[in-house]
């Protein structure tokens, strides 16, 4: 199955993706390097390349807040029913899985 000719022309104008190109096509993440490697195998930061952000003036008196409220209490789960009283108890997970009818492996 092939795309129609107008669609093929439109696809040709778009940027190439890593899935469309050959195995040697690597785009990277666009972050760039923040320094250089030394002959000792270490990495030396170049502070001219490191991004710095200027904080706007008067930000400490800023009244808007993000869409997060501090009024909700943190959820505290109880793991008292597990053998080890911890959240990562595998035996309790398997018991619950068998109780709820997980797939049978034989």
PDB file of N, CA and C in Angstrom:
ATOM      1  N   UNK A   1       0.844  -1.175   0.000  1.00  0.00           N
ATOM      2  CA  UNK A   1       0.000   0.000   0.000  1.00  0.00           C
ATOM      3  C   UNK A   1       0.891   1.241   0.000  1.00  0.00           C
ATOM      4  N   UNK A   2       0.622   2.157  -0.886  1.00  0.00           N
ATOM      5  CA  UNK A   2       1.414   3.380  -1.009  1.00  0.00           C
ATOM      6  C   UNK A   2       0.524   4.593  -0.775  1.00  0.00           C
ATOM      7  N   UNK A   3       1.074   5.672  -0.253  1.00  0.00           N
ATOM      8  CA  UNK A   3       0.270   6.886  -0.103  1.00  0.00           C
ATOM      9  C   UNK A   3      -0.023   7.506  -1.464  1.00  0.00           C
ATOM     10  N   UNK A   4      -1.070   8.285  -1.512  1.00  0.00           N
ATOM     11  CA  UNK A   4      -1.411   8.961  -2.762  1.00  0.00           C
ATOM     12  C   UNK A   4      -0.320   9.974  -3.097  1.00  0.00           C
ATOM     13  N   UNK A   5      -0.134  10.314  -4.380  1.00  0.00           N
ATOM     14  CA  UNK A   5       0.940  11.253  -4.756  1.00  0.00           C
ATOM     15  C   UNK A   5       0.899  12.594  -4.016  1.00  0.00           C
ATOM     16  N   UNK A   6      -0.274  13.238  -3.824  1.00  0.00           N
ATOM     17  CA  UNK A   6      -0.245  14.500  -3.065  1.00  0.00           C
ATOM     18  C   UNK A   6       0.222  14.302  -1.619  1.00  0.00           C
ATOM     19  N   UNK A   7      -0.193  13.197  -1.013  1.00  0.00           N
ATOM     20  CA  UNK A   7       0.230  12.923   0.350  1.00  0.00           C
ATOM     21  C   UNK A   7       1.723  12.634   0.404  1.00  0.00           C
ATOM     22  N   UNK A   8       2.234  11.933  -0.579  1.00  0.00           N
ATOM     23  CA  UNK A   8       3.667  11.631  -0.622  1.00  0.00           C
ATOM     24  C   UNK A   8       4.487  12.910  -0.744  1.00  0.00           C
ATOM     25  N   UNK A   9       4.002  13.880  -1.529  1.00  0.00           N
ATOM     26  CA  UNK A   9       4.717  15.159  -1.656  1.00  0.00           C
ATOM     27  C   UNK A   9       4.701  15.916  -0.331  1.00  0.00           C
ATOM     28  N   UNK A  10       3.577  15.853   0.381  1.00  0.00           N
ATOM     29  CA  UNK A  10       3.483  16.540   1.670  1.00  0.00           C
ATOM     30  C   UNK A  10       4.415  15.892   2.690  1.00  0.00           C
ATOM     31  N   UNK A  11       4.500  14.576   2.665  1.00  0.00           N
ATOM     32  CA  UNK A  11       5.382  13.873   3.597  1.00  0.00           C
ATOM     33  C   UNK A  11       6.836  14.209   3.308  1.00  0.00           C
ATOM     34  N   UNK A  12       7.176  14.363   2.043  1.00  0.00           N
ATOM     35  CA  UNK A  12       8.552  14.663   1.661  1.00  0.00           C
ATOM     36  C   UNK A  12       9.005  16.024   2.195  1.00  0.00           C
ATOM     37  N   UNK A  13       8.053  16.960   2.364  1.00  0.00           N
ATOM     38  CA  UNK A  13       8.414  18.294   2.853  1.00  0.00           C
ATOM     39  C   UNK A  13       8.613  18.319   4.371  1.00  0.00           C
ATOM     40  N   UNK A  14       8.092  17.324   5.074  1.00  0.00           N
ATOM     41  CA  UNK A  14       8.224  17.299   6.529  1.00  0.00           C
ATOM     42  C   UNK A  14       9.628  16.888   6.934  1.00  0.00           C
ATOM     43  N   UNK A  15       9.976  17.163   8.174  1.00  0.00           N
ATOM     44  CA  UNK A  15      11.289  16.773   8.686  1.00  0.00           C
ATOM     45  C   UNK A  15      11.365  15.257   8.793  1.00  0.00           C
ATOM     46  N   UNK A  16      12.534  14.731   8.533  1.00  0.00           N
ATOM     47  CA  UNK A  16      12.757  13.297   8.576  1.00  0.00           C
ATOM     48  C   UNK A  16      12.782  12.819  10.027  1.00  0.00           C
ATOM     49  N   UNK A  17      12.146  11.695  10.273  1.00  0.00           N
ATOM     50  CA  UNK A  17      12.184  11.115  11.612  1.00  0.00           C
ATOM     51  C   UNK A  17      13.162   9.951  11.629  1.00  0.00           C
ATOM     52  N   UNK A  18      13.499   9.498  12.823  1.00  0.00           N
ATOM     53  CA  UNK A  18      14.440   8.386  12.941  1.00  0.00           C
ATOM     54  C   UNK A  18      13.838   7.090  12.427  1.00  0.00           C
ATOM     55  N   UNK A  19      12.523   6.986  12.384  1.00  0.00           N
ATOM     56  CA  UNK A  19      11.880   5.772  11.883  1.00  0.00           C
ATOM     57  C   UNK A  19      11.913   5.721  10.356  1.00  0.00           C
ATOM     58  N   UNK A  20      11.968   6.860   9.694  1.00  0.00           N
ATOM     59  CA  UNK A  20      11.945   6.896   8.238  1.00  0.00           C
ATOM     60  C   UNK A  20      13.336   6.773   7.637  1.00  0.00           C
ATOM     61  N   UNK A  21      14.357   7.097   8.381  1.00  0.00           N
ATOM     62  CA  UNK A  21      15.711   7.139   7.831  1.00  0.00           C
ATOM     63  C   UNK A  21      16.432   5.824   8.084  1.00  0.00           C
ATOM     64  N   UNK A  22      17.658   5.755   7.619  1.00  0.00           N
ATOM     65  CA  UNK A  22      18.465   4.559   7.785  1.00  0.00           C
ATOM     66  C   UNK A  22      18.978   4.411   9.206  1.00  0.00           C
ATOM     67  N   UNK A  23      19.761   3.350   9.422  1.00  0.00           N
ATOM     68  CA  UNK A  23      20.201   3.038  10.780  1.00  0.00           C
ATOM     69  C   UNK A  23      21.233   4.015  11.321  1.00  0.00           C
ATOM     70  N   UNK A  24      21.891   4.788  10.471  1.00  0.00           N
ATOM     71  CA  UNK A  24      22.915   5.722  10.926  1.00  0.00           C
ATOM     72  C   UNK A  24      22.373   7.125  11.202  1.00  0.00           C
ATOM     73  N   UNK A  25      21.066   7.325  11.056  1.00  0.00           N
ATOM     74  CA  UNK A  25      20.477   8.647  11.248  1.00  0.00           C
ATOM     75  C   UNK A  25      20.148   8.827  12.724  1.00  0.00           C
ATOM     76  N   UNK A  26      20.852   9.721  13.397  1.00  0.00           N
ATOM     77  CA  UNK A  26      20.634   9.985  14.813  1.00  0.00           C
ATOM     78  C   UNK A  26      20.426  11.476  14.999  1.00  0.00           C
ATOM     79  N   UNK A  27      19.266  11.849  15.502  1.00  0.00           N
ATOM     80  CA  UNK A  27      18.957  13.262  15.669  1.00  0.00           C
ATOM     81  C   UNK A  27      19.428  13.806  17.009  1.00  0.00           C
ATOM     82  N   UNK A  28      19.504  12.963  18.017  1.00  0.00           N
ATOM     83  CA  UNK A  28      19.863  13.450  19.341  1.00  0.00           C
ATOM     84  C   UNK A  28      18.679  14.119  20.009  1.00  0.00           C
ATOM     85  N   UNK A  29      18.931  14.769  21.111  1.00  0.00           N
ATOM     86  CA  UNK A  29      17.860  15.414  21.863  1.00  0.00           C
ATOM     87  C   UNK A  29      17.871  16.926  21.709  1.00  0.00           C
ATOM     88  N   UNK A  30      18.868  17.467  21.057  1.00  0.00           N
ATOM     89  CA  UNK A  30      18.934  18.909  20.871  1.00  0.00           C
ATOM     90  C   UNK A  30      19.435  19.653  22.086  1.00  0.00           C
ATOM     91  N   UNK A  31      19.995  18.951  23.041  1.00  0.00           N
ATOM     92  CA  UNK A  31      20.434  19.622  24.257  1.00  0.00           C
ATOM     93  C   UNK A  31      21.807  20.252  24.108  1.00  0.00           C
ATOM     94  N   UNK A  32      22.673  19.667  23.309  1.00  0.00           N
ATOM     95  CA  UNK A  32      24.009  20.220  23.127  1.00  0.00           C
ATOM     96  C   UNK A  32      24.917  19.877  24.289  1.00  0.00           C
ATOM     97  N   UNK A  33      26.189  20.152  24.127  1.00  0.00           N
ATOM     98  CA  UNK A  33      27.149  19.822  25.175  1.00  0.00           C
ATOM     99  C   UNK A  33      27.292  20.990  26.141  1.00  0.00           C
ATOM    100  N   UNK A  34      27.594  20.666  27.375  1.00  0.00           N
ATOM    101  CA  UNK A  34      27.801  21.678  28.403  1.00  0.00           C
ATOM    102  C   UNK A  34      29.276  21.823  28.738  1.00  0.00           C
ATOM    103  N   UNK A  35      30.145  21.163  27.994  1.00  0.00           N
ATOM    104  CA  UNK A  35      31.569  21.228  28.271  1.00  0.00           C
ATOM    105  C   UNK A  35      32.329  20.353  27.298  1.00  0.00           C
ATOM    106  N   UNK A  36      33.451  19.801  27.760  1.00  0.00           N
ATOM    107  CA  UNK A  36      34.269  18.956  26.890  1.00  0.00           C
ATOM    108  C   UNK A  36      34.956  17.880  27.719  1.00  0.00           C
ATOM    109  N   UNK A  37      35.347  16.805  27.044  1.00  0.00           N
ATOM    110  CA  UNK A  37      36.059  15.714  27.694  1.00  0.00           C
ATOM    111  C   UNK A  37      37.545  16.043  27.728  1.00  0.00           C
ATOM    112  N   UNK A  38      38.188  15.720  28.831  1.00  0.00           N
ATOM    113  CA  UNK A  38      39.628  15.930  28.947  1.00  0.00           C
ATOM    114  C   UNK A  38      40.349  14.651  28.554  1.00  0.00           C
ATOM    115  N   UNK A  39      41.660  14.719  28.414  1.00  0.00           N
ATOM    116  CA  UNK A  39      42.417  13.528  28.032  1.00  0.00           C
ATOM    117  C   UNK A  39      42.481  12.506  29.164  1.00  0.00           C
ATOM    118  N   UNK A  40      42.166  12.936  30.403  1.00  0.00           N
ATOM    119  CA  UNK A  40      42.147  12.022  31.540  1.00  0.00           C
ATOM    120  C   UNK A  40      40.842  11.244  31.633  1.00  0.00           C
ATOM    121  N   UNK A  41      39.899  11.526  30.752  1.00  0.00           N
ATOM    122  CA  UNK A  41      38.607  10.860  30.805  1.00  0.00           C
ATOM    123  C   UNK A  41      37.591  11.573  31.668  1.00  0.00           C
ATOM    124  N   UNK A  42      37.921  12.749  32.139  1.00  0.00           N
ATOM    125  CA  UNK A  42      36.991  13.528  32.949  1.00  0.00           C
ATOM    126  C   UNK A  42      36.224  14.484  32.043  1.00  0.00           C
ATOM    127  N   UNK A  43      35.283  15.187  32.630  1.00  0.00           N
ATOM    128  CA  UNK A  43      34.464  16.129  31.875  1.00  0.00           C
ATOM    129  C   UNK A  43      34.618  17.505  32.498  1.00  0.00           C
ATOM    130  N   UNK A  44      34.981  18.480  31.693  1.00  0.00           N
ATOM    131  CA  UNK A  44      35.178  19.846  32.171  1.00  0.00           C
ATOM    132  C   UNK A  44      33.991  20.693  31.706  1.00  0.00           C
ATOM    133  N   UNK A  45      33.308  21.292  32.664  1.00  0.00           N
ATOM    134  CA  UNK A  45      32.176  22.151  32.340  1.00  0.00           C
ATOM    135  C   UNK A  45      32.660  23.475  31.788  1.00  0.00           C
ATOM    136  N   UNK A  46      31.988  23.948  30.761  1.00  0.00           N
ATOM    137  CA  UNK A  46      32.258  25.265  30.201  1.00  0.00           C
ATOM    138  C   UNK A  46      31.096  26.163  30.631  1.00  0.00           C
ATOM    139  N   UNK A  47      31.349  27.065  31.566  1.00  0.00           N
ATOM    140  CA  UNK A  47      30.274  27.867  32.140  1.00  0.00           C
ATOM    141  C   UNK A  47      29.682  28.866  31.153  1.00  0.00           C
ATOM    142  N   UNK A  48      30.316  29.065  30.007  1.00  0.00           N
ATOM    143  CA  UNK A  48      29.710  29.896  28.968  1.00  0.00           C
ATOM    144  C   UNK A  48      28.609  29.138  28.237  1.00  0.00           C
ATOM    145  N   UNK A  49      28.650  27.800  28.288  1.00  0.00           N
ATOM    146  CA  UNK A  49      27.646  26.991  27.604  1.00  0.00           C
ATOM    147  C   UNK A  49      26.477  26.615  28.511  1.00  0.00           C
ATOM    148  N   UNK A  50      26.653  26.722  29.821  1.00  0.00           N
ATOM    149  CA  UNK A  50      25.606  26.312  30.753  1.00  0.00           C
ATOM    150  C   UNK A  50      24.494  27.349  30.744  1.00  0.00           C
ATOM    151  N   UNK A  51      23.257  26.855  30.661  1.00  0.00           N
ATOM    152  CA  UNK A  51      22.110  27.759  30.622  1.00  0.00           C
ATOM    153  C   UNK A  51      21.851  28.339  32.008  1.00  0.00           C
ATOM    154  N   UNK A  52      21.644  29.620  32.066  1.00  0.00           N
ATOM    155  CA  UNK A  52      21.262  30.270  33.314  1.00  0.00           C
ATOM    156  C   UNK A  52      19.969  31.025  33.059  1.00  0.00           C
ATOM    157  N   UNK A  53      19.108  31.029  34.041  1.00  0.00           N
ATOM    158  CA  UNK A  53      17.809  31.667  33.902  1.00  0.00           C
ATOM    159  C   UNK A  53      17.719  32.829  34.878  1.00  0.00           C
ATOM    160  N   UNK A  54      17.268  33.957  34.379  1.00  0.00           N
ATOM    161  CA  UNK A  54      17.138  35.143  35.208  1.00  0.00           C
ATOM    162  C   UNK A  54      15.757  35.132  35.859  1.00  0.00           C
ATOM    163  N   UNK A  55      15.738  35.220  37.168  1.00  0.00           N
ATOM    164  CA  UNK A  55      14.481  35.239  37.908  1.00  0.00           C
ATOM    165  C   UNK A  55      13.904  36.644  37.818  1.00  0.00           C
ATOM    166  N   UNK A  56      12.623  36.770  37.474  1.00  0.00           N
ATOM    167  CA  UNK A  56      12.021  38.102  37.377  1.00  0.00           C
ATOM    168  C   UNK A  56      12.028  38.825  38.721  1.00  0.00           C
ATOM    169  N   UNK A  57      12.114  40.139  38.661  1.00  0.00           N
ATOM    170  CA  UNK A  57      12.110  40.953  39.875  1.00  0.00           C
ATOM    171  C   UNK A  57      10.729  40.908  40.514  1.00  0.00           C
ATOM    172  N   UNK A  58      10.680  40.924  41.836  1.00  0.00           N
ATOM    173  CA  UNK A  58       9.408  40.945  42.554  1.00  0.00           C
ATOM    174  C   UNK A  58       8.707  39.601  42.599  1.00  0.00           C
ATOM    175  N   UNK A  59       9.419  38.528  42.352  1.00  0.00           N
ATOM    176  CA  UNK A  59       8.783  37.212  42.344  1.00  0.00           C
ATOM    177  C   UNK A  59       8.380  36.775  43.749  1.00  0.00           C
ATOM    178  N   UNK A  60       9.024  37.318  44.768  1.00  0.00           N
ATOM    179  CA  UNK A  60       8.674  36.936  46.134  1.00  0.00           C
ATOM    180  C   UNK A  60       7.323  37.515  46.560  1.00  0.00           C
ATOM    181  N   UNK A  61       6.839  38.571  45.892  1.00  0.00           N
ATOM    182  CA  UNK A  61       5.524  39.125  46.203  1.00  0.00           C
ATOM    183  C   UNK A  61       4.455  38.636  45.230  1.00  0.00           C
ATOM    184  N   UNK A  62       4.774  37.652  44.410  1.00  0.00           N
ATOM    185  CA  UNK A  62       3.849  37.150  43.391  1.00  0.00           C
ATOM    186  C   UNK A  62       2.690  36.430  44.069  1.00  0.00           C
ATOM    187  N   UNK A  63       1.439  36.737  43.682  1.00  0.00           N
ATOM    188  CA  UNK A  63       0.279  36.199  44.390  1.00  0.00           C
ATOM    189  C   UNK A  63      -0.311  34.962  43.731  1.00  0.00           C
ATOM    190  N   UNK A  64      -0.092  34.745  42.460  1.00  0.00           N
ATOM    191  CA  UNK A  64      -0.650  33.559  41.816  1.00  0.00           C
ATOM    192  C   UNK A  64       0.133  32.322  42.242  1.00  0.00           C
ATOM    193  N   UNK A  65      -0.576  31.191  42.307  1.00  0.00           N
ATOM    194  CA  UNK A  65       0.051  29.930  42.693  1.00  0.00           C
ATOM    195  C   UNK A  65      -0.252  28.882  41.633  1.00  0.00           C
ATOM    196  N   UNK A  66       0.487  27.797  41.596  1.00  0.00           N
ATOM    197  CA  UNK A  66       0.158  26.728  40.659  1.00  0.00           C
ATOM    198  C   UNK A  66      -1.143  26.050  41.068  1.00  0.00           C
ATOM    199  N   UNK A  67      -1.683  25.215  40.200  1.00  0.00           N
ATOM    200  CA  UNK A  67      -2.963  24.567  40.458  1.00  0.00           C
ATOM    201  C   UNK A  67      -2.801  23.381  41.411  1.00  0.00           C
ATOM    202  N   UNK A  68      -2.173  23.607  42.526  1.00  0.00           N
ATOM    203  CA  UNK A  68      -1.965  22.574  43.543  1.00  0.00           C
ATOM    204  C   UNK A  68      -2.379  23.173  44.876  1.00  0.00           C
ATOM    205  N   UNK A  69      -3.155  22.432  45.625  1.00  0.00           N
ATOM    206  CA  UNK A  69      -3.567  22.926  46.933  1.00  0.00           C
ATOM    207  C   UNK A  69      -2.804  22.196  48.028  1.00  0.00           C
ATOM    208  N   UNK A  70      -2.520  22.889  49.086  1.00  0.00           N
ATOM    209  CA  UNK A  70      -1.831  22.287  50.223  1.00  0.00           C
ATOM    210  C   UNK A  70      -2.836  21.822  51.278  1.00  0.00           C
ATOM    211  N   UNK A  71      -4.150  21.978  51.018  1.00  0.00           N
ATOM    212  CA  UNK A  71      -5.175  21.618  51.995  1.00  0.00           C
ATOM    213  C   UNK A  71      -5.465  20.120  52.010  1.00  0.00           C
ATOM    214  N   UNK A  72      -5.101  19.400  50.970  1.00  0.00           N
ATOM    215  CA  UNK A  72      -5.354  17.962  50.913  1.00  0.00           C
ATOM    216  C   UNK A  72      -4.317  17.245  51.763  1.00  0.00           C
ATOM    217  N   UNK A  73      -4.810  16.370  52.632  1.00  0.00           N
ATOM    218  CA  UNK A  73      -3.897  15.631  53.492  1.00  0.00           C
ATOM    219  C   UNK A  73      -3.205  14.533  52.698  1.00  0.00           C
ATOM    220  N   UNK A  74      -1.983  14.256  53.073  1.00  0.00           N
ATOM    221  CA  UNK A  74      -1.225  13.207  52.412  1.00  0.00           C
ATOM    222  C   UNK A  74      -1.828  11.855  52.766  1.00  0.00           C
ATOM    223  N   UNK A  75      -1.981  11.014  51.755  1.00  0.00           N
ATOM    224  CA  UNK A  75      -2.570   9.701  51.959  1.00  0.00           C
ATOM    225  C   UNK A  75      -1.576   8.793  52.685  1.00  0.00           C
ATOM    226  N   UNK A  76      -2.039   8.195  53.748  1.00  0.00           N
ATOM    227  CA  UNK A  76      -1.192   7.293  54.514  1.00  0.00           C
ATOM    228  C   UNK A  76      -1.801   5.896  54.431  1.00  0.00           C
ATOM    229  N   UNK A  77      -1.211   5.024  53.611  1.00  0.00           N
ATOM    230  CA  UNK A  77      -1.702   3.659  53.472  1.00  0.00           C
ATOM    231  C   UNK A  77      -1.186   2.800  54.617  1.00  0.00           C
ATOM    232  N   UNK A  78      -1.977   1.825  54.973  1.00  0.00           N
ATOM    233  CA  UNK A  78      -1.581   0.899  56.029  1.00  0.00           C
ATOM    234  C   UNK A  78      -1.153  -0.416  55.392  1.00  0.00           C
ATOM    235  N   UNK A  79       0.001  -0.895  55.772  1.00  0.00           N
ATOM    236  CA  UNK A  79       0.500  -2.165  55.265  1.00  0.00           C
ATOM    237  C   UNK A  79       0.567  -3.188  56.398  1.00  0.00           C
ATOM    238  N   UNK A  80      -0.324  -3.044  57.385  1.00  0.00           N
ATOM    239  CA  UNK A  80      -0.298  -3.930  58.542  1.00  0.00           C
ATOM    240  C   UNK A  80      -0.697  -5.354  58.176  1.00  0.00           C
ATOM    241  N   UNK A  81      -1.471  -5.530  57.080  1.00  0.00           N
ATOM    242  CA  UNK A  81      -1.929  -6.875  56.735  1.00  0.00           C
ATOM    243  C   UNK A  81      -0.869  -7.688  55.997  1.00  0.00           C
ATOM    244  N   UNK A  82       0.240  -7.084  55.615  1.00  0.00           N
ATOM    245  CA  UNK A  82       1.294  -7.823  54.917  1.00  0.00           C
ATOM    246  C   UNK A  82       2.216  -8.501  55.918  1.00  0.00           C
ATOM    247  N   UNK A  83       2.936  -9.510  55.445  1.00  0.00           N
ATOM    248  CA  UNK A  83       3.810 -10.282  56.339  1.00  0.00           C
ATOM    249  C   UNK A  83       4.972  -9.440  56.856  1.00  0.00           C
ATOM    250  N   UNK A  84       5.480  -8.549  56.024  1.00  0.00           N
ATOM    251  CA  UNK A  84       6.644  -7.754  56.426  1.00  0.00           C
ATOM    252  C   UNK A  84       6.281  -6.328  56.817  1.00  0.00           C
ATOM    253  N   UNK A  85       4.993  -5.997  56.808  1.00  0.00           N
ATOM    254  CA  UNK A  85       4.511  -4.645  57.119  1.00  0.00           C
ATOM    255  C   UNK A  85       5.137  -3.586  56.217  1.00  0.00           C
ATOM    256  N   UNK A  86       5.413  -3.934  54.973  1.00  0.00           N
ATOM    257  CA  UNK A  86       5.975  -2.955  54.044  1.00  0.00           C
ATOM    258  C   UNK A  86       5.140  -2.932  52.767  1.00  0.00           C
ATOM    259  N   UNK A  87       5.311  -1.876  52.001  1.00  0.00           N
ATOM    260  CA  UNK A  87       4.532  -1.712  50.777  1.00  0.00           C
ATOM    261  C   UNK A  87       4.975  -2.670  49.685  1.00  0.00           C
ATOM    262  N   UNK A  88       6.189  -3.155  49.734  1.00  0.00           N
ATOM    263  CA  UNK A  88       6.717  -3.993  48.662  1.00  0.00           C
ATOM    264  C   UNK A  88       6.793  -5.450  49.091  1.00  0.00           C
ATOM    265  N   UNK A  89       5.701  -5.970  49.603  1.00  0.00           N
ATOM    266  CA  UNK A  89       5.662  -7.355  50.039  1.00  0.00           C
ATOM    267  C   UNK A  89       5.122  -8.204  48.897  1.00  0.00           C
ATOM    268  N   UNK A  90       5.952  -9.033  48.324  1.00  0.00           N
ATOM    269  CA  UNK A  90       5.560  -9.847  47.182  1.00  0.00           C
ATOM    270  C   UNK A  90       4.568 -10.933  47.542  1.00  0.00           C
ATOM    271  N   UNK A  91       4.665 -11.485  48.750  1.00  0.00           N
ATOM    272  CA  UNK A  91       3.751 -12.551  49.158  1.00  0.00           C
ATOM    273  C   UNK A  91       2.316 -12.041  49.238  1.00  0.00           C
ATOM    274  N   UNK A  92       2.117 -10.851  49.776  1.00  0.00           N
ATOM    275  CA  UNK A  92       0.774 -10.287  49.865  1.00  0.00           C
ATOM    276  C   UNK A  92       0.221 -10.014  48.469  1.00  0.00           C
ATOM    277  N   UNK A  93       1.075  -9.562  47.557  1.00  0.00           N
ATOM    278  CA  UNK A  93       0.635  -9.307  46.186  1.00  0.00           C
ATOM    279  C   UNK A  93       0.185 -10.607  45.524  1.00  0.00           C
ATOM    280  N   UNK A  94       0.984 -11.677  45.656  1.00  0.00           N
ATOM    281  CA  UNK A  94       0.627 -12.952  45.041  1.00  0.00           C
ATOM    282  C   UNK A  94      -0.634 -13.540  45.661  1.00  0.00           C
ATOM    283  N   UNK A  95      -0.801 -13.392  46.966  1.00  0.00           N
ATOM    284  CA  UNK A  95      -2.009 -13.898  47.620  1.00  0.00           C
ATOM    285  C   UNK A  95      -3.241 -13.174  47.097  1.00  0.00           C
ATOM    286  N   UNK A  96      -3.153 -11.865  46.964  1.00  0.00           N
ATOM    287  CA  UNK A  96      -4.286 -11.095  46.449  1.00  0.00           C
ATOM    288  C   UNK A  96      -4.553 -11.438  44.989  1.00  0.00           C
ATOM    289  N   UNK A  97      -3.498 -11.673  44.230  1.00  0.00           N
ATOM    290  CA  UNK A  97      -3.621 -12.025  42.817  1.00  0.00           C
ATOM    291  C   UNK A  97      -4.333 -13.368  42.665  1.00  0.00           C
ATOM    292  N   UNK A  98      -3.964 -14.346  43.509  1.00  0.00           N
ATOM    293  CA  UNK A  98      -4.615 -15.659  43.459  1.00  0.00           C
ATOM    294  C   UNK A  98      -6.056 -15.562  43.924  1.00  0.00           C
ATOM    295  N   UNK A  99      -6.299 -14.737  44.939  1.00  0.00           N
ATOM    296  CA  UNK A  99      -7.646 -14.563  45.472  1.00  0.00           C
ATOM    297  C   UNK A  99      -8.584 -13.976  44.426  1.00  0.00           C
ATOM    298  N   UNK A 100      -8.090 -13.050  43.617  1.00  0.00           N
ATOM    299  CA  UNK A 100      -8.921 -12.404  42.603  1.00  0.00           C
ATOM    300  C   UNK A 100      -8.973 -13.192  41.306  1.00  0.00           C
ATOM    301  N   UNK A 101      -8.347 -14.370  41.268  1.00  0.00           N
ATOM    302  CA  UNK A 101      -8.462 -15.231  40.095  1.00  0.00           C
ATOM    303  C   UNK A 101      -7.532 -14.863  38.968  1.00  0.00           C
ATOM    304  N   UNK A 102      -6.268 -14.662  39.268  1.00  0.00           N
ATOM    305  CA  UNK A 102      -5.282 -14.389  38.228  1.00  0.00           C
ATOM    306  C   UNK A 102      -5.112 -15.589  37.313  1.00  0.00           C
ATOM    307  N   UNK A 103      -4.458 -15.421  36.164  1.00  0.00           N
ATOM    308  CA  UNK A 103      -4.296 -16.548  35.237  1.00  0.00           C
ATOM    309  C   UNK A 103      -3.511 -17.685  35.882  1.00  0.00           C
ATOM    310  N   UNK A 104      -3.848 -18.888  35.505  1.00  0.00           N
ATOM    311  CA  UNK A 104      -3.200 -20.081  36.065  1.00  0.00           C
ATOM    312  C   UNK A 104      -1.998 -20.463  35.229  1.00  0.00           C
ATOM    313  N   UNK A 105      -0.863 -20.631  35.869  1.00  0.00           N
ATOM    314  CA  UNK A 105       0.362 -21.076  35.193  1.00  0.00           C
ATOM    315  C   UNK A 105       0.657 -22.486  35.667  1.00  0.00           C
ATOM    316  N   UNK A 106       0.655 -23.411  34.768  1.00  0.00           N
ATOM    317  CA  UNK A 106       0.917 -24.792  35.167  1.00  0.00           C
ATOM    318  C   UNK A 106       1.945 -25.419  34.288  1.00  0.00           C
TER     319      UNK A 106
END
